PDB file of N, CA and C in Angstrom:
ATOM      1  N   MET A   1      51.041 -31.098  21.745  1.00  0.00           N
ATOM      2  CA  MET A   1      51.908 -32.158  21.299  1.00  0.00           C
ATOM      3  C   MET A   1      53.203 -31.558  20.759  1.00  0.00           C
ATOM      4  N   ALA A   2      54.295 -32.023  21.262  1.00  0.00           N
ATOM      5  CA  ALA A   2      55.604 -31.554  20.791  1.00  0.00           C
ATOM      6  C   ALA A   2      56.004 -32.342  19.542  1.00  0.00           C
ATOM      7  N   LEU A   3      56.607 -31.650  18.616  1.00  0.00           N
ATOM      8  CA  LEU A   3      57.098 -32.293  17.391  1.00  0.00           C
ATOM      9  C   LEU A   3      58.511 -32.803  17.608  1.00  0.00           C
ATOM     10  N   THR A   4      58.848 -33.891  16.928  1.00  0.00           N
ATOM     11  CA  THR A   4      60.232 -34.348  16.903  1.00  0.00           C
ATOM     12  C   THR A   4      61.013 -33.400  15.992  1.00  0.00           C
ATOM     13  N   GLU A   5      62.330 -33.484  16.024  1.00  0.00           N
ATOM     14  CA  GLU A   5      63.135 -32.640  15.143  1.00  0.00           C
ATOM     15  C   GLU A   5      62.827 -32.938  13.676  1.00  0.00           C
ATOM     16  N   HIS A   6      62.684 -34.209  13.330  1.00  0.00           N
ATOM     17  CA  HIS A   6      62.378 -34.578  11.938  1.00  0.00           C
ATOM     18  C   HIS A   6      61.037 -33.996  11.504  1.00  0.00           C
ATOM     19  N   GLU A   7      60.036 -34.097  12.373  1.00  0.00           N
ATOM     20  CA  GLU A   7      58.725 -33.547  12.043  1.00  0.00           C
ATOM     21  C   GLU A   7      58.798 -32.036  11.855  1.00  0.00           C
ATOM     22  N   ALA A   8      59.524 -31.363  12.724  1.00  0.00           N
ATOM     23  CA  ALA A   8      59.666 -29.904  12.621  1.00  0.00           C
ATOM     24  C   ALA A   8      60.398 -29.518  11.339  1.00  0.00           C
ATOM     25  N   ARG A   9      61.422 -30.281  10.976  1.00  0.00           N
ATOM     26  CA  ARG A   9      62.161 -29.980   9.736  1.00  0.00           C
ATOM     27  C   ARG A   9      61.274 -30.147   8.510  1.00  0.00           C
ATOM     28  N   VAL A  10      60.486 -31.216   8.478  1.00  0.00           N
ATOM     29  CA  VAL A  10      59.583 -31.456   7.350  1.00  0.00           C
ATOM     30  C   VAL A  10      58.486 -30.397   7.321  1.00  0.00           C
ATOM     31  N   LEU A  11      57.925 -30.071   8.469  1.00  0.00           N
ATOM     32  CA  LEU A  11      56.890 -29.038   8.538  1.00  0.00           C
ATOM     33  C   LEU A  11      57.436 -27.701   8.056  1.00  0.00           C
ATOM     34  N   GLY A  12      58.656 -27.384   8.450  1.00  0.00           N
ATOM     35  CA  GLY A  12      59.291 -26.146   8.000  1.00  0.00           C
ATOM     36  C   GLY A  12      59.520 -26.137   6.502  1.00  0.00           C
ATOM     37  N   ALA A  13      59.934 -27.278   5.956  1.00  0.00           N
ATOM     38  CA  ALA A  13      60.146 -27.361   4.503  1.00  0.00           C
ATOM     39  C   ALA A  13      58.827 -27.206   3.757  1.00  0.00           C
ATOM     40  N   LEU A  14      57.760 -27.770   4.293  1.00  0.00           N
ATOM     41  CA  LEU A  14      56.446 -27.612   3.671  1.00  0.00           C
ATOM     42  C   LEU A  14      55.969 -26.167   3.737  1.00  0.00           C
ATOM     43  N   SER A  15      56.322 -25.477   4.791  1.00  0.00           N
ATOM     44  CA  SER A  15      55.856 -24.095   4.934  1.00  0.00           C
ATOM     45  C   SER A  15      56.526 -23.169   3.923  1.00  0.00           C
ATOM     46  N   GLY A  16      57.648 -23.596   3.378  1.00  0.00           N
ATOM     47  CA  GLY A  16      58.344 -22.781   2.394  1.00  0.00           C
ATOM     48  C   GLY A  16      57.958 -23.104   0.957  1.00  0.00           C
ATOM     49  N   ALA A  17      56.978 -23.994   0.771  1.00  0.00           N
ATOM     50  CA  ALA A  17      56.550 -24.367  -0.584  1.00  0.00           C
ATOM     51  C   ALA A  17      55.948 -23.164  -1.298  1.00  0.00           C
ATOM     52  N   VAL A  18      56.365 -22.950  -2.540  1.00  0.00           N
ATOM     53  CA  VAL A  18      55.848 -21.834  -3.332  1.00  0.00           C
ATOM     54  C   VAL A  18      54.354 -22.021  -3.606  1.00  0.00           C
ATOM     55  N   LEU A  19      53.975 -23.195  -4.042  1.00  0.00           N
ATOM     56  CA  LEU A  19      52.565 -23.506  -4.263  1.00  0.00           C
ATOM     57  C   LEU A  19      52.092 -24.403  -3.133  1.00  0.00           C
ATOM     58  N   PRO A  20      50.880 -24.201  -2.635  1.00  0.00           N
ATOM     59  CA  PRO A  20      50.385 -25.084  -1.578  1.00  0.00           C
ATOM     60  C   PRO A  20      50.407 -26.536  -2.042  1.00  0.00           C
ATOM     61  N   GLY A  21      51.022 -27.396  -1.262  1.00  0.00           N
ATOM     62  CA  GLY A  21      51.048 -28.815  -1.567  1.00  0.00           C
ATOM     63  C   GLY A  21      51.961 -29.219  -2.688  1.00  0.00           C
ATOM     64  N   ALA A  22      52.987 -28.448  -2.968  1.00  0.00           N
ATOM     65  CA  ALA A  22      53.823 -28.706  -4.141  1.00  0.00           C
ATOM     66  C   ALA A  22      55.048 -29.561  -3.838  1.00  0.00           C
ATOM     67  N   LYS A  23      55.149 -30.208  -2.716  1.00  0.00           N
ATOM     68  CA  LYS A  23      56.378 -30.935  -2.390  1.00  0.00           C
ATOM     69  C   LYS A  23      56.162 -32.444  -2.328  1.00  0.00           C
ATOM     70  N   THR A  24      57.045 -33.172  -2.998  1.00  0.00           N
ATOM     71  CA  THR A  24      57.047 -34.629  -2.941  1.00  0.00           C
ATOM     72  C   THR A  24      57.968 -35.070  -1.804  1.00  0.00           C
ATOM     73  N   VAL A  25      57.930 -36.359  -1.491  1.00  0.00           N
ATOM     74  CA  VAL A  25      58.826 -36.905  -0.467  1.00  0.00           C
ATOM     75  C   VAL A  25      60.281 -36.662  -0.867  1.00  0.00           C
ATOM     76  N   ARG A  26      60.589 -36.886  -2.129  1.00  0.00           N
ATOM     77  CA  ARG A  26      61.968 -36.693  -2.598  1.00  0.00           C
ATOM     78  C   ARG A  26      62.411 -35.237  -2.409  1.00  0.00           C
ATOM     79  N   GLU A  27      61.552 -34.276  -2.777  1.00  0.00           N
ATOM     80  CA  GLU A  27      61.877 -32.860  -2.616  1.00  0.00           C
ATOM     81  C   GLU A  27      62.053 -32.494  -1.144  1.00  0.00           C
ATOM     82  N   LEU A  28      61.173 -33.021  -0.302  1.00  0.00           N
ATOM     83  CA  LEU A  28      61.277 -32.742   1.129  1.00  0.00           C
ATOM     84  C   LEU A  28      62.532 -33.367   1.714  1.00  0.00           C
ATOM     85  N   SER A  29      62.849 -34.570   1.280  1.00  0.00           N
ATOM     86  CA  SER A  29      64.051 -35.249   1.749  1.00  0.00           C
ATOM     87  C   SER A  29      65.293 -34.441   1.399  1.00  0.00           C
ATOM     88  N   TYR A  30      65.339 -33.959   0.168  1.00  0.00           N
ATOM     89  CA  TYR A  30      66.481 -33.158  -0.286  1.00  0.00           C
ATOM     90  C   TYR A  30      66.596 -31.854   0.514  1.00  0.00           C
ATOM     91  N   SER A  31      65.479 -31.164   0.720  1.00  0.00           N
ATOM     92  CA  SER A  31      65.543 -29.863   1.388  1.00  0.00           C
ATOM     93  C   SER A  31      65.765 -29.961   2.894  1.00  0.00           C
ATOM     94  N   THR A  32      65.440 -31.111   3.501  1.00  0.00           N
ATOM     95  CA  THR A  32      65.637 -31.258   4.945  1.00  0.00           C
ATOM     96  C   THR A  32      66.927 -31.997   5.303  1.00  0.00           C
ATOM     97  N   GLY A  33      67.505 -32.712   4.325  1.00  0.00           N
ATOM     98  CA  GLY A  33      68.690 -33.510   4.607  1.00  0.00           C
ATOM     99  C   GLY A  33      68.364 -34.835   5.276  1.00  0.00           C
ATOM    100  N   LEU A  34      67.088 -35.216   5.291  1.00  0.00           N
ATOM    101  CA  LEU A  34      66.666 -36.486   5.881  1.00  0.00           C
ATOM    102  C   LEU A  34      66.592 -37.544   4.789  1.00  0.00           C
ATOM    103  N   THR A  35      66.645 -38.799   5.178  1.00  0.00           N
ATOM    104  CA  THR A  35      66.443 -39.879   4.216  1.00  0.00           C
ATOM    105  C   THR A  35      64.970 -39.875   3.790  1.00  0.00           C
ATOM    106  N   GLU A  36      64.679 -40.487   2.662  1.00  0.00           N
ATOM    107  CA  GLU A  36      63.284 -40.564   2.223  1.00  0.00           C
ATOM    108  C   GLU A  36      62.444 -41.345   3.221  1.00  0.00           C
ATOM    109  N   SER A  37      63.017 -42.369   3.821  1.00  0.00           N
ATOM    110  CA  SER A  37      62.304 -43.160   4.820  1.00  0.00           C
ATOM    111  C   SER A  37      61.945 -42.306   6.041  1.00  0.00           C
ATOM    112  N   SER A  38      62.896 -41.540   6.550  1.00  0.00           N
ATOM    113  CA  SER A  38      62.637 -40.669   7.701  1.00  0.00           C
ATOM    114  C   SER A  38      61.618 -39.592   7.353  1.00  0.00           C
ATOM    115  N   THR A  39      61.693 -39.087   6.133  1.00  0.00           N
ATOM    116  CA  THR A  39      60.742 -38.066   5.683  1.00  0.00           C
ATOM    117  C   THR A  39      59.335 -38.645   5.628  1.00  0.00           C
ATOM    118  N   ARG A  40      59.195 -39.860   5.088  1.00  0.00           N
ATOM    119  CA  ARG A  40      57.878 -40.504   5.025  1.00  0.00           C
ATOM    120  C   ARG A  40      57.301 -40.724   6.416  1.00  0.00           C
ATOM    121  N   LYS A  41      58.142 -41.187   7.348  1.00  0.00           N
ATOM    122  CA  LYS A  41      57.673 -41.417   8.716  1.00  0.00           C
ATOM    123  C   LYS A  41      57.196 -40.113   9.345  1.00  0.00           C
ATOM    124  N   ALA A  42      57.952 -39.042   9.157  1.00  0.00           N
ATOM    125  CA  ALA A  42      57.557 -37.738   9.704  1.00  0.00           C
ATOM    126  C   ALA A  42      56.242 -37.275   9.077  1.00  0.00           C
ATOM    127  N   LEU A  43      56.095 -37.463   7.772  1.00  0.00           N
ATOM    128  CA  LEU A  43      54.860 -37.065   7.093  1.00  0.00           C
ATOM    129  C   LEU A  43      53.662 -37.858   7.590  1.00  0.00           C
ATOM    130  N   MET A  44      53.847 -39.132   7.845  1.00  0.00           N
ATOM    131  CA  MET A  44      52.747 -39.951   8.359  1.00  0.00           C
ATOM    132  C   MET A  44      52.299 -39.447   9.733  1.00  0.00           C
ATOM    133  N   ARG A  45      53.263 -39.115  10.595  1.00  0.00           N
ATOM    134  CA  ARG A  45      52.910 -38.591  11.929  1.00  0.00           C
ATOM    135  C   ARG A  45      52.246 -37.219  11.807  1.00  0.00           C
ATOM    136  N   LEU A  46      52.777 -36.373  10.921  1.00  0.00           N
ATOM    137  CA  LEU A  46      52.176 -35.051  10.720  1.00  0.00           C
ATOM    138  C   LEU A  46      50.766 -35.179  10.150  1.00  0.00           C
ATOM    139  N   SER A  47      50.557 -36.148   9.292  1.00  0.00           N
ATOM    140  CA  SER A  47      49.241 -36.383   8.715  1.00  0.00           C
ATOM    141  C   SER A  47      48.248 -36.855   9.772  1.00  0.00           C
ATOM    142  N   ARG A  48      48.683 -37.782  10.620  1.00  0.00           N
ATOM    143  CA  ARG A  48      47.794 -38.297  11.676  1.00  0.00           C
ATOM    144  C   ARG A  48      47.389 -37.223  12.675  1.00  0.00           C
ATOM    145  N   THR A  49      48.242 -36.237  12.871  1.00  0.00           N
ATOM    146  CA  THR A  49      47.930 -35.171  13.830  1.00  0.00           C
ATOM    147  C   THR A  49      47.260 -33.973  13.165  1.00  0.00           C
ATOM    148  N   GLY A  50      47.014 -34.066  11.857  1.00  0.00           N
ATOM    149  CA  GLY A  50      46.293 -33.010  11.166  1.00  0.00           C
ATOM    150  C   GLY A  50      47.131 -31.804  10.780  1.00  0.00           C
ATOM    151  N   LEU A  51      48.466 -31.957  10.744  1.00  0.00           N
ATOM    152  CA  LEU A  51      49.336 -30.837  10.400  1.00  0.00           C
ATOM    153  C   LEU A  51      49.733 -30.819   8.928  1.00  0.00           C
ATOM    154  N   ALA A  52      49.659 -31.972   8.273  1.00  0.00           N
ATOM    155  CA  ALA A  52      50.000 -32.076   6.847  1.00  0.00           C
ATOM    156  C   ALA A  52      48.953 -32.951   6.169  1.00  0.00           C
ATOM    157  N   LEU A  53      48.840 -32.760   4.865  1.00  0.00           N
ATOM    158  CA  LEU A  53      47.852 -33.492   4.095  1.00  0.00           C
ATOM    159  C   LEU A  53      48.477 -33.936   2.784  1.00  0.00           C
ATOM    160  N   GLY A  54      48.316 -35.211   2.461  1.00  0.00           N
ATOM    161  CA  GLY A  54      48.834 -35.732   1.200  1.00  0.00           C
ATOM    162  C   GLY A  54      47.772 -35.703   0.121  1.00  0.00           C
ATOM    163  N   THR A  55      48.205 -35.586  -1.124  1.00  0.00           N
ATOM    164  CA  THR A  55      47.288 -35.619  -2.258  1.00  0.00           C
ATOM    165  C   THR A  55      47.549 -36.882  -3.053  1.00  0.00           C
ATOM    166  N   ARG A  56      46.655 -37.235  -3.913  1.00  0.00           N
ATOM    167  CA  ARG A  56      46.814 -38.446  -4.724  1.00  0.00           C
ATOM    168  C   ARG A  56      46.902 -38.106  -6.206  1.00  0.00           C
ATOM    169  N   GLN A  57      47.290 -36.909  -6.532  1.00  0.00           N
ATOM    170  CA  GLN A  57      47.364 -36.492  -7.933  1.00  0.00           C
ATOM    171  C   GLN A  57      48.760 -36.766  -8.473  1.00  0.00           C
ATOM    172  N   GLY A  58      48.872 -37.738  -9.385  1.00  0.00           N
ATOM    173  CA  GLY A  58      50.185 -38.089  -9.915  1.00  0.00           C
ATOM    174  C   GLY A  58      51.074 -38.588  -8.789  1.00  0.00           C
ATOM    175  N   LEU A  59      52.278 -38.029  -8.715  1.00  0.00           N
ATOM    176  CA  LEU A  59      53.142 -38.325  -7.568  1.00  0.00           C
ATOM    177  C   LEU A  59      52.493 -37.742  -6.322  1.00  0.00           C
ATOM    178  N   ALA A  60      52.536 -38.476  -5.237  1.00  0.00           N
ATOM    179  CA  ALA A  60      51.969 -37.944  -3.999  1.00  0.00           C
ATOM    180  C   ALA A  60      52.685 -36.658  -3.628  1.00  0.00           C
ATOM    181  N   ARG A  61      51.935 -35.654  -3.352  1.00  0.00           N
ATOM    182  CA  ARG A  61      52.471 -34.360  -2.932  1.00  0.00           C
ATOM    183  C   ARG A  61      51.866 -34.017  -1.586  1.00  0.00           C
ATOM    184  N   TRP A  62      52.616 -33.272  -0.822  1.00  0.00           N
ATOM    185  CA  TRP A  62      52.212 -32.941   0.539  1.00  0.00           C
ATOM    186  C   TRP A  62      52.108 -31.446   0.717  1.00  0.00           C
ATOM    187  N   ARG A  63      51.175 -31.045   1.568  1.00  0.00           N
ATOM    188  CA  ARG A  63      51.009 -29.627   1.877  1.00  0.00           C
ATOM    189  C   ARG A  63      50.643 -29.479   3.344  1.00  0.00           C
ATOM    190  N   LEU A  64      50.791 -28.269   3.843  1.00  0.00           N
ATOM    191  CA  LEU A  64      50.396 -27.974   5.209  1.00  0.00           C
ATOM    192  C   LEU A  64      48.900 -27.774   5.291  1.00  0.00           C
ATOM    193  N   THR A  65      48.341 -28.104   6.437  1.00  0.00           N
ATOM    194  CA  THR A  65      46.970 -27.718   6.728  1.00  0.00           C
ATOM    195  C   THR A  65      47.044 -26.353   7.419  1.00  0.00           C
ATOM    196  N   ASP A  66      45.904 -25.748   7.664  1.00  0.00           N
ATOM    197  CA  ASP A  66      45.898 -24.475   8.394  1.00  0.00           C
ATOM    198  C   ASP A  66      46.527 -24.657   9.772  1.00  0.00           C
ATOM    199  N   ARG A  67      46.226 -25.773  10.400  1.00  0.00           N
ATOM    200  CA  ARG A  67      46.809 -26.068  11.722  1.00  0.00           C
ATOM    201  C   ARG A  67      48.328 -26.197  11.638  1.00  0.00           C
ATOM    202  N   GLY A  68      48.825 -26.797  10.566  1.00  0.00           N
ATOM    203  CA  GLY A  68      50.266 -26.934  10.357  1.00  0.00           C
ATOM    204  C   GLY A  68      50.935 -25.575  10.184  1.00  0.00           C
ATOM    205  N   ARG A  69      50.271 -24.668   9.448  1.00  0.00           N
ATOM    206  CA  ARG A  69      50.810 -23.303   9.255  1.00  0.00           C
ATOM    207  C   ARG A  69      50.918 -22.565  10.587  1.00  0.00           C
ATOM    208  N   LEU A  70      49.922 -22.745  11.432  1.00  0.00           N
ATOM    209  CA  LEU A  70      49.959 -22.101  12.750  1.00  0.00           C
ATOM    210  C   LEU A  70      51.041 -22.714  13.634  1.00  0.00           C
ATOM    211  N   THR A  71      51.191 -24.022  13.564  1.00  0.00           N
ATOM    212  CA  THR A  71      52.170 -24.719  14.405  1.00  0.00           C
ATOM    213  C   THR A  71      53.595 -24.298  14.077  1.00  0.00           C
ATOM    214  N   ILE A  72      53.955 -24.212  12.807  1.00  0.00           N
ATOM    215  CA  ILE A  72      55.338 -23.876  12.440  1.00  0.00           C
ATOM    216  C   ILE A  72      55.670 -22.436  12.827  1.00  0.00           C
ATOM    217  N   LYS A  73      54.671 -21.611  13.068  1.00  0.00           N
ATOM    218  CA  LYS A  73      54.898 -20.220  13.475  1.00  0.00           C
ATOM    219  C   LYS A  73      55.103 -20.071  14.981  1.00  0.00           C
ATOM    220  N   LEU A  74      54.894 -21.141  15.746  1.00  0.00           N
ATOM    221  CA  LEU A  74      55.097 -21.081  17.193  1.00  0.00           C
ATOM    222  C   LEU A  74      56.567 -20.827  17.508  1.00  0.00           C
ATOM    223  N   PRO A  75      56.847 -20.066  18.579  1.00  0.00           N
ATOM    224  CA  PRO A  75      58.243 -19.766  18.931  1.00  0.00           C
ATOM    225  C   PRO A  75      59.123 -21.010  19.074  1.00  0.00           C
ATOM    226  N   ALA A  76      58.562 -22.101  19.556  1.00  0.00           N
ATOM    227  CA  ALA A  76      59.357 -23.322  19.751  1.00  0.00           C
ATOM    228  C   ALA A  76      59.909 -23.873  18.441  1.00  0.00           C
ATOM    229  N   TYR A  77      59.263 -23.552  17.323  1.00  0.00           N
ATOM    230  CA  TYR A  77      59.677 -24.087  16.026  1.00  0.00           C
ATOM    231  C   TYR A  77      60.190 -23.013  15.085  1.00  0.00           C
ATOM    232  N   SER A  78      60.476 -21.840  15.589  1.00  0.00           N
ATOM    233  CA  SER A  78      60.902 -20.712  14.740  1.00  0.00           C
ATOM    234  C   SER A  78      62.168 -21.029  13.935  1.00  0.00           C
ATOM    235  N   GLU A  79      63.049 -21.826  14.469  1.00  0.00           N
ATOM    236  CA  GLU A  79      64.284 -22.146  13.743  1.00  0.00           C
ATOM    237  C   GLU A  79      64.042 -23.037  12.527  1.00  0.00           C
ATOM    238  N   TYR A  80      62.852 -23.655  12.439  1.00  0.00           N
ATOM    239  CA  TYR A  80      62.533 -24.544  11.329  1.00  0.00           C
ATOM    240  C   TYR A  80      61.621 -23.892  10.300  1.00  0.00           C
ATOM    241  N   GLY A  81      61.150 -22.690  10.573  1.00  0.00           N
ATOM    242  CA  GLY A  81      60.201 -22.001   9.701  1.00  0.00           C
ATOM    243  C   GLY A  81      60.791 -21.600   8.365  1.00  0.00           C
ATOM    244  N   PRO A  82      59.959 -20.965   7.533  1.00  0.00           N
ATOM    245  CA  PRO A  82      60.414 -20.570   6.196  1.00  0.00           C
ATOM    246  C   PRO A  82      61.654 -19.701   6.258  1.00  0.00           C
ATOM    247  N   GLY A  83      62.574 -19.970   5.347  1.00  0.00           N
ATOM    248  CA  GLY A  83      63.790 -19.158   5.270  1.00  0.00           C
ATOM    249  C   GLY A  83      64.873 -19.583   6.258  1.00  0.00           C
ATOM    250  N   GLN A  84      64.610 -20.607   7.060  1.00  0.00           N
ATOM    251  CA  GLN A  84      65.599 -21.065   8.046  1.00  0.00           C
ATOM    252  C   GLN A  84      66.260 -22.331   7.531  1.00  0.00           C
ATOM    253  N   LYS A  85      67.439 -22.598   8.002  1.00  0.00           N
ATOM    254  CA  LYS A  85      68.139 -23.847   7.671  1.00  0.00           C
ATOM    255  C   LYS A  85      68.628 -24.492   8.939  1.00  0.00           C
TER     256      LYS A  85
END
């Protein structure tokens, strides 16, 4: 399954999280330059495909799954990986 640009940007932002699952929608929106609405839509698609997982502790926070970590490392998404803009 190919990711959209928005999904790849959000996945890349999640891969750069210092703590696993430490990013809120607002933080992801800020770091990707996407609107909060676009970020939420991308997260929902990533969640349905098993690449990201949301938590219910306080503010919803998102983290990568193991599958998501492997996906962002693929050559097709290298420009969106950690340390990239």
